[in-house]
Amino acid sequence: MENLVHQHRSMHWNPLIQEIQAKDHLISELQQTLAENQQRLEELSLALQTLLAAEGAHPTSLEQ
């Protein structure tokens, strides 16, 4: 985690502000990544539901 925060540090005369800004930037990036992954999960879940519904309507010969 420290390495991730270090990557987001900017030059600032106050080390405390520098640390807070780095952590805020990291949190923003993590939130964005989480939102993107949630969107992908919703899309995949919908696709899977569609496939399962189609499979239920037309069972394969293996299930018979």
Protein backbone atom coordinates (compact mmCIF):
# COMPACT_ATOMS: atom_id res chain seq x y z
CA MET A 1 0.00 0.00 0.00
CA GLU A 2 2.84 2.34 0.83
CA ASN A 3 4.24 1.89 -2.69
CA LEU A 4 0.89 2.83 -4.21
CA VAL A 5 0.64 5.95 -2.07
CA HIS A 6 4.25 6.85 -2.89
CA GLN A 7 3.45 6.76 -6.62
CA HIS A 8 0.80 9.44 -6.09
CA ARG A 9 2.85 11.85 -4.00
CA SER A 10 3.31 15.31 -5.40
CA MET A 11 5.83 17.90 -4.39
CA HIS A 12 4.45 20.08 -1.62
CA TRP A 13 6.12 22.16 1.05
CA ASN A 14 4.02 20.50 3.75
CA PRO A 15 4.63 16.74 4.06
CA LEU A 16 1.24 16.19 5.71
CA ILE A 17 -0.60 17.83 2.81
CA GLN A 18 1.58 15.87 0.40
CA GLU A 19 0.56 12.62 2.12
CA ILE A 20 -3.14 13.53 2.22
CA GLN A 21 -3.14 14.48 -1.47
CA ALA A 22 -1.41 11.23 -2.40
CA LYS A 23 -3.93 9.17 -0.45
CA ASP A 24 -6.86 11.12 -1.89
CA HIS A 25 -5.56 10.53 -5.42
CA LEU A 26 -5.08 6.82 -4.72
CA ILE A 27 -8.59 6.54 -3.26
CA SER A 28 -10.04 8.25 -6.33
CA GLU A 29 -8.25 5.81 -8.64
CA LEU A 30 -9.40 2.84 -6.57
CA GLN A 31 -12.99 4.11 -6.62
CA GLN A 32 -12.84 4.50 -10.40
CA THR A 33 -11.45 0.99 -10.81
CA LEU A 34 -14.12 -0.41 -8.51
CA ALA A 35 -16.88 1.35 -10.46
CA GLU A 36 -15.49 -0.02 -13.74
CA ASN A 37 -15.30 -3.54 -12.33
CA GLN A 38 -18.85 -3.31 -10.95
CA GLN A 39 -20.07 -2.27 -14.40
CA ARG A 40 -18.27 -5.22 -16.01
CA LEU A 41 -19.70 -7.58 -13.39
CA GLU A 42 -23.23 -6.32 -14.06
CA GLU A 43 -22.74 -6.79 -17.81
CA LEU A 44 -21.38 -10.31 -17.35
CA SER A 45 -24.16 -11.18 -14.94
CA LEU A 46 -26.78 -10.02 -17.43
CA ALA A 47 -25.11 -11.98 -20.22
CA LEU A 48 -24.98 -15.10 -18.04
CA GLN A 49 -28.65 -14.72 -17.07
CA THR A 50 -29.54 -14.40 -20.74
CA LEU A 51 -27.57 -17.52 -21.62
CA LEU A 52 -29.12 -19.49 -18.77
CA ALA A 53 -32.61 -18.38 -19.75
CA ALA A 54 -31.96 -19.37 -23.36
CA GLU A 55 -30.56 -22.72 -22.21
CA GLY A 56 -33.67 -23.28 -20.10
CA ALA A 57 -35.86 -22.64 -23.10
CA HIS A 58 -33.80 -24.98 -25.29
CA PRO A 59 -32.10 -27.69 -23.21
CA THR A 60 -29.15 -29.43 -24.76
CA SER A 61 -29.10 -33.14 -25.49
CA LEU A 62 -26.73 -33.64 -22.52
CA GLU A 63 -29.45 -32.62 -20.06
CA GLN A 64 -32.09 -34.93 -21.54
